[in-house]
Amino acid sequence: MAEYFPRIGAVRNRARAGQRQNTDRFLPVVAAALLVAAWGGFVLTDHADIFQPTRTETASTQTERGVFSLCGSGKRTTCVVDGDTFHFGGDTVRIADIDTPEVRDYKCAAELKRGQQATARLLALMNAGPFTLEPADRDTDRYGRKLRIVTRNGQSLGQVLVAEGLARTWDGARHPWCQG
């Protein structure tokens, strides 16, 4: 066989003669792979909290931070549903001080358009930095959503939406968003 494949014969002959094969070139690659695996285990076990929503407790409020996306059809963890509802830390939160147009059960095209704008703006506001969830007059609504006022630096994010014409202050009753 060595006559057909001379290199195979040479390798076989060196191994038989007790010569050392060239495996030293793989040592740096193996060491790097072990280092990356160890670092990955360190990050994912001891420091997994950097990938999760964070909370800082105070007397009656919580300072929060998360990376929000728009809610899809999959698992809803940290995402915005619409202009006044989002999922965070295992809870569905309804912003208690505002009402925004609907994006699902809308009554007219204008309501849908404004609802989409409110949703996009709430997504941007939630991702703009730490926020505080303050208790409202009730803990939950009839759908089991947590009722909270969302603030940043003492300013209601809901009232930001109101000032921008994307929401109205919640007065306890639903009002139509469509004219006529």
N, C-alpha and C. Protein backbone atom coordinates (compact mmCIF):
# COMPACT_ATOMS: atom_id res chain seq x y z
N MET A 1 0.83 -1.18 0.00
CA MET A 1 0.00 0.00 0.00
C MET A 1 0.87 1.24 0.00
N ALA A 2 2.01 1.18 0.66
CA ALA A 2 2.90 2.33 0.72
C ALA A 2 3.41 2.71 -0.65
N GLU A 3 3.46 1.73 -1.55
CA GLU A 3 3.92 2.08 -2.89
C GLU A 3 2.89 2.91 -3.65
N TYR A 4 1.59 2.78 -3.32
CA TYR A 4 0.56 3.58 -3.97
C TYR A 4 0.37 4.94 -3.29
N PHE A 5 0.54 4.97 -2.00
CA PHE A 5 0.36 6.19 -1.21
C PHE A 5 1.62 6.43 -0.38
N PRO A 6 2.63 7.02 -0.95
CA PRO A 6 3.91 7.12 -0.25
C PRO A 6 3.85 7.90 1.06
N ARG A 7 3.01 8.94 1.17
CA ARG A 7 2.93 9.70 2.43
C ARG A 7 2.37 8.85 3.55
N ILE A 8 1.37 8.04 3.25
CA ILE A 8 0.80 7.17 4.28
C ILE A 8 1.89 6.22 4.79
N GLY A 9 2.63 5.68 3.88
CA GLY A 9 3.72 4.79 4.29
C GLY A 9 4.74 5.50 5.14
N ALA A 10 5.05 6.77 4.81
CA ALA A 10 6.04 7.52 5.58
C ALA A 10 5.53 7.80 6.99
N VAL A 11 4.27 8.16 7.10
CA VAL A 11 3.69 8.42 8.43
C VAL A 11 3.70 7.14 9.24
N ARG A 12 3.31 6.05 8.62
CA ARG A 12 3.30 4.78 9.31
C ARG A 12 4.71 4.39 9.77
N ASN A 13 5.66 4.62 8.90
CA ASN A 13 7.03 4.27 9.24
C ASN A 13 7.56 5.13 10.38
N ARG A 14 7.25 6.44 10.41
CA ARG A 14 7.70 7.30 11.50
C ARG A 14 7.08 6.88 12.82
N ALA A 15 5.78 6.55 12.77
CA ALA A 15 5.10 6.13 13.99
C ALA A 15 5.72 4.84 14.51
N ARG A 16 6.04 3.93 13.60
CA ARG A 16 6.66 2.67 14.02
C ARG A 16 8.04 2.90 14.60
N ALA A 17 8.71 3.87 14.08
CA ALA A 17 10.08 4.13 14.53
C ALA A 17 10.08 4.92 15.83
N GLY A 18 8.90 5.22 16.38
CA GLY A 18 8.83 5.93 17.64
C GLY A 18 9.01 7.42 17.51
N GLN A 19 8.93 7.93 16.29
CA GLN A 19 9.06 9.37 16.11
C GLN A 19 7.77 10.07 16.56
N ARG A 20 7.94 11.27 17.09
CA ARG A 20 6.80 12.04 17.57
C ARG A 20 6.04 12.66 16.40
N GLN A 21 4.69 12.50 16.39
CA GLN A 21 3.89 13.12 15.33
C GLN A 21 3.66 14.58 15.67
N ASN A 22 3.38 15.40 14.68
CA ASN A 22 3.24 16.84 14.86
C ASN A 22 1.83 17.18 15.35
N THR A 23 1.62 17.11 16.68
CA THR A 23 0.33 17.48 17.26
C THR A 23 0.42 18.81 18.01
N ASP A 24 1.61 19.37 18.12
CA ASP A 24 1.79 20.61 18.85
C ASP A 24 1.04 21.78 18.22
N ARG A 25 0.77 21.73 16.93
CA ARG A 25 0.10 22.85 16.28
C ARG A 25 -1.37 22.96 16.70
N PHE A 26 -1.95 21.90 17.27
CA PHE A 26 -3.34 21.94 17.71
C PHE A 26 -3.49 22.41 19.15
N LEU A 27 -2.41 22.45 19.91
CA LEU A 27 -2.46 22.83 21.31
C LEU A 27 -3.03 24.24 21.52
N PRO A 28 -2.60 25.27 20.78
CA PRO A 28 -3.20 26.60 20.98
C PRO A 28 -4.69 26.64 20.67
N VAL A 29 -5.13 25.89 19.68
CA VAL A 29 -6.55 25.86 19.32
C VAL A 29 -7.36 25.22 20.44
N VAL A 30 -6.87 24.13 20.98
CA VAL A 30 -7.57 23.45 22.08
C VAL A 30 -7.61 24.35 23.31
N ALA A 31 -6.51 25.01 23.62
CA ALA A 31 -6.47 25.91 24.78
C ALA A 31 -7.46 27.06 24.60
N ALA A 32 -7.52 27.63 23.43
CA ALA A 32 -8.46 28.73 23.17
C ALA A 32 -9.90 28.25 23.30
N ALA A 33 -10.20 27.07 22.80
CA ALA A 33 -11.56 26.52 22.89
C ALA A 33 -11.95 26.30 24.35
N LEU A 34 -11.04 25.79 25.16
CA LEU A 34 -11.32 25.58 26.58
C LEU A 34 -11.53 26.91 27.30
N LEU A 35 -10.75 27.90 26.96
CA LEU A 35 -10.90 29.22 27.57
C LEU A 35 -12.25 29.84 27.22
N VAL A 36 -12.67 29.75 25.96
CA VAL A 36 -13.97 30.28 25.54
C VAL A 36 -15.10 29.53 26.24
N ALA A 37 -15.00 28.22 26.34
CA ALA A 37 -16.03 27.42 27.01
C ALA A 37 -16.13 27.79 28.48
N ALA A 38 -14.99 27.97 29.14
CA ALA A 38 -15.01 28.35 30.55
C ALA A 38 -15.62 29.72 30.74
N TRP A 39 -15.25 30.68 29.88
CA TRP A 39 -15.82 32.02 29.98
C TRP A 39 -17.33 31.99 29.74
N GLY A 40 -17.76 31.22 28.74
CA GLY A 40 -19.19 31.11 28.45
C GLY A 40 -19.95 30.53 29.63
N GLY A 41 -19.41 29.52 30.27
CA GLY A 41 -20.05 28.95 31.45
C GLY A 41 -20.13 29.95 32.59
N PHE A 42 -19.08 30.75 32.77
CA PHE A 42 -19.06 31.78 33.79
C PHE A 42 -20.16 32.80 33.55
N VAL A 43 -20.27 33.27 32.33
CA VAL A 43 -21.27 34.29 32.01
C VAL A 43 -22.68 33.73 32.14
N LEU A 44 -22.90 32.54 31.63
CA LEU A 44 -24.26 32.01 31.60
C LEU A 44 -24.73 31.48 32.95
N THR A 45 -23.81 31.17 33.86
CA THR A 45 -24.26 30.68 35.17
C THR A 45 -24.20 31.76 36.22
N ASP A 46 -23.05 32.37 36.41
CA ASP A 46 -22.91 33.36 37.47
C ASP A 46 -23.44 34.73 37.10
N HIS A 47 -23.48 35.04 35.83
CA HIS A 47 -23.87 36.39 35.41
C HIS A 47 -25.01 36.37 34.41
N ALA A 48 -25.91 35.42 34.52
CA ALA A 48 -27.04 35.34 33.61
C ALA A 48 -27.97 36.53 33.77
N ASP A 49 -27.88 37.23 34.92
CA ASP A 49 -28.76 38.36 35.16
C ASP A 49 -28.56 39.50 34.17
N ILE A 50 -27.43 39.57 33.48
CA ILE A 50 -27.24 40.65 32.53
C ILE A 50 -28.14 40.49 31.31
N PHE A 51 -28.69 39.29 31.12
CA PHE A 51 -29.58 39.05 30.00
C PHE A 51 -31.04 39.15 30.41
N GLN A 52 -31.31 39.34 31.67
CA GLN A 52 -32.66 39.35 32.19
C GLN A 52 -33.06 40.76 32.62
N PRO A 53 -34.37 41.01 32.73
CA PRO A 53 -34.80 42.28 33.30
C PRO A 53 -34.22 42.45 34.69
N THR A 54 -33.89 43.65 35.09
CA THR A 54 -33.34 43.88 36.42
C THR A 54 -34.29 44.73 37.23
N ARG A 55 -34.23 44.54 38.54
CA ARG A 55 -35.08 45.28 39.45
C ARG A 55 -34.27 45.77 40.63
N THR A 56 -34.57 46.98 41.06
CA THR A 56 -34.00 47.54 42.27
C THR A 56 -35.17 47.95 43.14
N GLU A 57 -35.33 47.30 44.26
CA GLU A 57 -36.47 47.55 45.14
C GLU A 57 -36.27 48.82 45.96
N THR A 58 -37.35 49.58 46.14
CA THR A 58 -37.39 50.70 47.07
C THR A 58 -38.64 50.51 47.91
N ALA A 59 -38.98 51.50 48.69
CA ALA A 59 -40.11 51.37 49.61
C ALA A 59 -41.41 50.98 48.91
N SER A 60 -41.84 51.73 47.90
CA SER A 60 -43.12 51.43 47.26
C SER A 60 -43.01 51.30 45.75
N THR A 61 -41.82 51.42 45.22
CA THR A 61 -41.65 51.34 43.77
C THR A 61 -40.48 50.43 43.44
N GLN A 62 -40.34 50.11 42.18
CA GLN A 62 -39.24 49.30 41.70
C GLN A 62 -38.63 50.00 40.49
N THR A 63 -37.31 50.13 40.49
CA THR A 63 -36.63 50.66 39.32
C THR A 63 -36.31 49.48 38.42
N GLU A 64 -36.68 49.59 37.17
CA GLU A 64 -36.61 48.48 36.24
C GLU A 64 -35.74 48.82 35.04
N ARG A 65 -35.29 47.79 34.37
CA ARG A 65 -34.59 47.96 33.10
C ARG A 65 -34.77 46.65 32.33
N GLY A 66 -35.02 46.77 31.04
CA GLY A 66 -35.14 45.60 30.19
C GLY A 66 -34.95 45.99 28.74
N VAL A 67 -34.74 45.00 27.91
CA VAL A 67 -34.65 45.24 26.48
C VAL A 67 -35.96 44.74 25.89
N PHE A 68 -36.78 45.67 25.44
CA PHE A 68 -38.12 45.36 24.96
C PHE A 68 -38.14 45.18 23.44
N SER A 69 -39.04 44.32 22.99
CA SER A 69 -39.33 44.14 21.58
C SER A 69 -40.85 44.20 21.44
N LEU A 70 -41.34 44.15 20.23
CA LEU A 70 -42.79 44.03 20.04
C LEU A 70 -43.19 42.60 20.31
N CYS A 71 -44.31 42.41 20.98
CA CYS A 71 -44.78 41.05 21.27
C CYS A 71 -45.19 40.36 19.98
N GLY A 72 -44.83 39.12 19.86
CA GLY A 72 -45.21 38.31 18.71
C GLY A 72 -46.11 37.18 19.17
N SER A 73 -46.13 36.13 18.40
CA SER A 73 -47.00 35.01 18.73
C SER A 73 -46.33 34.02 19.68
N GLY A 74 -45.03 34.16 19.92
CA GLY A 74 -44.31 33.24 20.81
C GLY A 74 -44.47 33.63 22.27
N LYS A 75 -43.53 33.14 23.08
CA LYS A 75 -43.53 33.43 24.50
C LYS A 75 -43.33 34.93 24.72
N ARG A 76 -44.15 35.50 25.58
CA ARG A 76 -44.09 36.93 25.84
C ARG A 76 -43.40 37.16 27.19
N THR A 77 -42.20 37.71 27.14
CA THR A 77 -41.47 37.94 28.38
C THR A 77 -41.20 39.43 28.61
N THR A 78 -40.50 40.06 27.71
CA THR A 78 -40.18 41.49 27.83
C THR A 78 -40.51 42.12 26.49
N CYS A 79 -41.79 42.51 26.35
CA CYS A 79 -42.23 43.02 25.06
C CYS A 79 -43.42 43.96 25.23
N VAL A 80 -43.65 44.77 24.21
CA VAL A 80 -44.75 45.73 24.20
C VAL A 80 -45.90 45.15 23.39
N VAL A 81 -47.08 45.11 23.98
CA VAL A 81 -48.29 44.59 23.32
C VAL A 81 -48.92 45.69 22.46
N ASP A 82 -49.16 46.84 23.09
CA ASP A 82 -49.74 47.99 22.41
C ASP A 82 -49.33 49.24 23.16
N GLY A 83 -49.98 50.34 22.91
CA GLY A 83 -49.56 51.61 23.48
C GLY A 83 -49.70 51.73 24.98
N ASP A 84 -50.47 50.86 25.62
CA ASP A 84 -50.63 50.95 27.07
C ASP A 84 -50.47 49.62 27.80
N THR A 85 -49.93 48.61 27.13
CA THR A 85 -49.76 47.30 27.76
C THR A 85 -48.43 46.69 27.34
N PHE A 86 -47.74 46.08 28.31
CA PHE A 86 -46.48 45.40 28.01
C PHE A 86 -46.29 44.22 28.95
N HIS A 87 -45.40 43.33 28.58
CA HIS A 87 -45.01 42.18 29.42
C HIS A 87 -43.63 42.47 29.97
N PHE A 88 -43.46 42.17 31.29
CA PHE A 88 -42.16 42.42 31.91
C PHE A 88 -42.03 41.57 33.16
N GLY A 89 -40.92 40.87 33.28
CA GLY A 89 -40.64 40.09 34.49
C GLY A 89 -41.71 39.09 34.85
N GLY A 90 -42.35 38.50 33.86
CA GLY A 90 -43.40 37.50 34.12
C GLY A 90 -44.78 38.08 34.32
N ASP A 91 -44.92 39.39 34.29
CA ASP A 91 -46.22 40.04 34.48
C ASP A 91 -46.68 40.73 33.21
N THR A 92 -48.00 40.83 33.06
CA THR A 92 -48.58 41.70 32.05
C THR A 92 -48.93 42.99 32.77
N VAL A 93 -48.41 44.11 32.27
CA VAL A 93 -48.60 45.39 32.93
C VAL A 93 -49.45 46.29 32.05
N ARG A 94 -50.49 46.85 32.64
CA ARG A 94 -51.35 47.84 31.97
C ARG A 94 -50.99 49.19 32.56
N ILE A 95 -50.59 50.14 31.71
CA ILE A 95 -50.24 51.48 32.20
C ILE A 95 -51.53 52.13 32.70
N ALA A 96 -51.57 52.43 33.99
CA ALA A 96 -52.81 52.79 34.67
C ALA A 96 -53.31 54.21 34.39
N ASP A 97 -52.43 55.12 33.97
CA ASP A 97 -52.87 56.51 33.87
C ASP A 97 -53.24 56.94 32.45
N ILE A 98 -53.29 56.01 31.49
CA ILE A 98 -53.62 56.39 30.11
C ILE A 98 -54.52 55.36 29.44
N ASP A 99 -55.04 55.76 28.30
CA ASP A 99 -55.76 54.88 27.39
C ASP A 99 -55.24 55.20 25.99
N THR A 100 -54.91 54.17 25.23
CA THR A 100 -54.41 54.38 23.86
C THR A 100 -55.33 53.68 22.87
N PRO A 101 -55.28 54.07 21.62
CA PRO A 101 -56.09 53.41 20.60
C PRO A 101 -55.71 51.93 20.46
N GLU A 102 -56.66 51.16 20.02
CA GLU A 102 -56.46 49.71 19.87
C GLU A 102 -55.72 49.38 18.58
N VAL A 103 -54.95 48.30 18.61
CA VAL A 103 -54.29 47.80 17.41
C VAL A 103 -54.86 46.45 16.99
N ARG A 104 -55.73 45.87 17.82
CA ARG A 104 -56.36 44.59 17.46
C ARG A 104 -57.85 44.76 17.18
N ASP A 105 -58.58 45.23 18.15
CA ASP A 105 -60.02 45.40 17.99
C ASP A 105 -60.36 46.86 17.67
N TYR A 106 -59.69 47.41 16.68
CA TYR A 106 -59.89 48.81 16.30
C TYR A 106 -61.20 48.96 15.53
N LYS A 107 -61.76 50.17 15.58
CA LYS A 107 -63.05 50.45 14.95
C LYS A 107 -62.92 51.15 13.61
N CYS A 108 -61.75 51.75 13.33
CA CYS A 108 -61.54 52.44 12.06
C CYS A 108 -60.05 52.48 11.75
N ALA A 109 -59.73 52.81 10.52
CA ALA A 109 -58.32 52.85 10.09
C ALA A 109 -57.52 53.90 10.87
N ALA A 110 -58.16 55.02 11.21
CA ALA A 110 -57.46 56.06 11.95
C ALA A 110 -57.07 55.59 13.35
N GLU A 111 -57.95 54.80 13.99
CA GLU A 111 -57.62 54.25 15.31
C GLU A 111 -56.44 53.29 15.20
N LEU A 112 -56.46 52.42 14.19
CA LEU A 112 -55.35 51.48 14.00
C LEU A 112 -54.04 52.23 13.80
N LYS A 113 -54.05 53.25 12.95
CA LYS A 113 -52.83 53.99 12.67
C LYS A 113 -52.28 54.66 13.93
N ARG A 114 -53.14 55.32 14.67
CA ARG A 114 -52.70 55.98 15.90
C ARG A 114 -52.28 54.95 16.94
N GLY A 115 -52.95 53.82 16.99
CA GLY A 115 -52.57 52.74 17.91
C GLY A 115 -51.19 52.18 17.59
N GLN A 116 -50.89 52.04 16.31
CA GLN A 116 -49.56 51.58 15.91
C GLN A 116 -48.48 52.59 16.27
N GLN A 117 -48.81 53.88 16.12
CA GLN A 117 -47.85 54.93 16.49
C GLN A 117 -47.61 54.93 18.00
N ALA A 118 -48.68 54.75 18.78
CA ALA A 118 -48.54 54.70 20.24
C ALA A 118 -47.72 53.48 20.67
N THR A 119 -47.94 52.36 20.00
CA THR A 119 -47.18 51.14 20.31
C THR A 119 -45.69 51.34 20.03
N ALA A 120 -45.38 51.90 18.87
CA ALA A 120 -43.98 52.15 18.51
C ALA A 120 -43.33 53.13 19.48
N ARG A 121 -44.07 54.15 19.88
CA ARG A 121 -43.52 55.14 20.80
C ARG A 121 -43.30 54.54 22.18
N LEU A 122 -44.24 53.72 22.67
CA LEU A 122 -44.06 53.08 23.97
C LEU A 122 -42.84 52.16 23.93
N LEU A 123 -42.65 51.45 22.84
CA LEU A 123 -41.47 50.59 22.70
C LEU A 123 -40.19 51.43 22.84
N ALA A 124 -40.15 52.57 22.16
CA ALA A 124 -38.97 53.44 22.24
C ALA A 124 -38.78 53.97 23.66
N LEU A 125 -39.85 54.36 24.31
CA LEU A 125 -39.75 54.89 25.68
C LEU A 125 -39.28 53.82 26.66
N MET A 126 -39.78 52.60 26.52
CA MET A 126 -39.39 51.52 27.43
C MET A 126 -37.92 51.16 27.27
N ASN A 127 -37.40 51.29 26.06
CA ASN A 127 -36.00 50.96 25.80
C ASN A 127 -35.05 52.13 26.02
N ALA A 128 -35.57 53.30 26.38
CA ALA A 128 -34.73 54.50 26.51
C ALA A 128 -33.94 54.56 27.81
N GLY A 129 -34.19 53.65 28.75
CA GLY A 129 -33.43 53.66 30.00
C GLY A 129 -34.24 53.11 31.15
N PRO A 130 -33.68 53.19 32.35
CA PRO A 130 -34.38 52.66 33.52
C PRO A 130 -35.71 53.38 33.74
N PHE A 131 -36.66 52.65 34.27
CA PHE A 131 -37.97 53.21 34.56
C PHE A 131 -38.44 52.68 35.89
N THR A 132 -39.47 53.29 36.42
CA THR A 132 -40.03 52.89 37.70
C THR A 132 -41.47 52.49 37.51
N LEU A 133 -41.87 51.40 38.15
CA LEU A 133 -43.27 50.98 38.15
C LEU A 133 -43.86 51.37 39.50
N GLU A 134 -44.78 52.31 39.46
CA GLU A 134 -45.41 52.79 40.69
C GLU A 134 -46.80 52.21 40.80
N PRO A 135 -47.22 51.87 42.01
CA PRO A 135 -48.56 51.30 42.19
C PRO A 135 -49.65 52.30 41.83
N ALA A 136 -50.76 51.76 41.36
CA ALA A 136 -51.93 52.59 41.04
C ALA A 136 -52.97 52.40 42.15
N ASP A 137 -54.17 52.87 41.90
CA ASP A 137 -55.21 52.75 42.93
C ASP A 137 -55.62 51.30 43.19
N ARG A 138 -55.44 50.42 42.20
CA ARG A 138 -55.70 48.98 42.36
C ARG A 138 -54.47 48.22 41.89
N ASP A 139 -54.29 47.00 42.37
CA ASP A 139 -53.14 46.20 41.97
C ASP A 139 -53.31 45.61 40.58
N THR A 140 -54.52 45.10 40.27
CA THR A 140 -54.77 44.47 38.98
C THR A 140 -56.10 44.92 38.41
N ASP A 141 -56.25 44.75 37.07
CA ASP A 141 -57.53 45.04 36.44
C ASP A 141 -58.33 43.75 36.32
N ARG A 142 -59.48 43.81 35.69
CA ARG A 142 -60.36 42.64 35.59
C ARG A 142 -59.77 41.53 34.73
N TYR A 143 -58.73 41.82 33.95
CA TYR A 143 -58.07 40.81 33.12
C TYR A 143 -56.83 40.23 33.80
N GLY A 144 -56.56 40.65 35.03
CA GLY A 144 -55.41 40.15 35.77
C GLY A 144 -54.10 40.86 35.46
N ARG A 145 -54.17 41.94 34.70
CA ARG A 145 -52.95 42.70 34.39
C ARG A 145 -52.59 43.58 35.58
N LYS A 146 -51.29 43.71 35.85
CA LYS A 146 -50.83 44.61 36.90
C LYS A 146 -51.08 46.05 36.45
N LEU A 147 -51.67 46.85 37.29
CA LEU A 147 -51.91 48.26 37.00
C LEU A 147 -50.77 49.07 37.61
N ARG A 148 -50.01 49.74 36.77
CA ARG A 148 -48.85 50.50 37.24
C ARG A 148 -48.74 51.81 36.47
N ILE A 149 -48.17 52.80 37.12
CA ILE A 149 -47.81 54.05 36.47
C ILE A 149 -46.31 53.94 36.20
N VAL A 150 -45.93 54.10 34.95
CA VAL A 150 -44.54 53.94 34.54
C VAL A 150 -43.90 55.32 34.48
N THR A 151 -42.83 55.51 35.24
CA THR A 151 -42.17 56.82 35.27
C THR A 151 -40.67 56.68 35.01
N ARG A 152 -40.10 57.75 34.59
CA ARG A 152 -38.64 57.89 34.45
C ARG A 152 -38.29 59.28 34.96
N ASN A 153 -37.42 59.33 35.94
CA ASN A 153 -37.01 60.61 36.53
C ASN A 153 -38.22 61.44 36.99
N GLY A 154 -39.21 60.76 37.56
CA GLY A 154 -40.39 61.44 38.08
C GLY A 154 -41.44 61.81 37.06
N GLN A 155 -41.21 61.55 35.78
CA GLN A 155 -42.18 61.89 34.74
C GLN A 155 -42.89 60.63 34.25
N SER A 156 -44.21 60.70 34.17
CA SER A 156 -45.02 59.58 33.69
C SER A 156 -44.79 59.37 32.20
N LEU A 157 -44.41 58.16 31.82
CA LEU A 157 -44.26 57.86 30.39
C LEU A 157 -45.62 57.87 29.70
N GLY A 158 -46.66 57.53 30.43
CA GLY A 158 -48.00 57.63 29.88
C GLY A 158 -48.36 59.05 29.51
N GLN A 159 -48.00 60.00 30.38
CA GLN A 159 -48.30 61.40 30.10
C GLN A 159 -47.45 61.94 28.96
N VAL A 160 -46.29 61.33 28.71
CA VAL A 160 -45.51 61.68 27.52
C VAL A 160 -46.33 61.33 26.28
N LEU A 161 -46.94 60.15 26.28
CA LEU A 161 -47.79 59.74 25.15
C LEU A 161 -48.99 60.67 25.00
N VAL A 162 -49.58 61.10 26.12
CA VAL A 162 -50.70 62.04 26.07
C VAL A 162 -50.25 63.36 25.44
N ALA A 163 -49.11 63.88 25.88
CA ALA A 163 -48.60 65.15 25.36
C ALA A 163 -48.30 65.07 23.86
N GLU A 164 -47.94 63.87 23.39
CA GLU A 164 -47.63 63.68 21.97
C GLU A 164 -48.88 63.34 21.14
N GLY A 165 -50.05 63.31 21.77
CA GLY A 165 -51.30 63.05 21.06
C GLY A 165 -51.54 61.59 20.73
N LEU A 166 -50.81 60.68 21.39
CA LEU A 166 -50.94 59.25 21.11
C LEU A 166 -51.76 58.51 22.15
N ALA A 167 -52.18 59.21 23.20
CA ALA A 167 -52.97 58.62 24.27
C ALA A 167 -53.81 59.71 24.90
N ARG A 168 -54.72 59.29 25.78
CA ARG A 168 -55.44 60.27 26.59
C ARG A 168 -55.39 59.79 28.04
N THR A 169 -55.52 60.74 28.93
CA THR A 169 -55.48 60.43 30.35
C THR A 169 -56.67 59.53 30.68
N TRP A 170 -56.41 58.47 31.42
CA TRP A 170 -57.46 57.51 31.78
C TRP A 170 -58.37 58.16 32.82
N ASP A 171 -59.68 58.18 32.51
CA ASP A 171 -60.66 58.76 33.44
C ASP A 171 -61.61 57.70 33.98
N GLY A 172 -61.27 56.43 33.74
CA GLY A 172 -62.10 55.34 34.26
C GLY A 172 -63.09 54.79 33.25
N ALA A 173 -63.20 55.41 32.08
CA ALA A 173 -64.15 54.94 31.05
C ALA A 173 -63.48 54.94 29.69
N ARG A 174 -63.88 53.99 28.88
CA ARG A 174 -63.37 53.91 27.50
C ARG A 174 -64.19 54.87 26.63
N HIS A 175 -63.48 55.58 25.77
CA HIS A 175 -64.12 56.50 24.85
C HIS A 175 -63.70 56.12 23.43
N PRO A 176 -64.57 56.32 22.45
CA PRO A 176 -64.21 55.94 21.07
C PRO A 176 -63.09 56.81 20.50
N TRP A 177 -62.28 56.20 19.63
CA TRP A 177 -61.18 56.89 18.98
C TRP A 177 -61.55 57.32 17.56
N CYS A 178 -62.69 56.84 17.06
CA CYS A 178 -63.11 57.14 15.69
C CYS A 178 -64.17 58.24 15.67
N GLN A 179 -64.11 59.08 14.68
CA GLN A 179 -65.11 60.14 14.52
C GLN A 179 -66.32 59.58 13.80
N GLY A 180 -67.50 60.04 14.20
CA GLY A 180 -68.72 59.70 13.48
C GLY A 180 -69.32 58.49 13.95
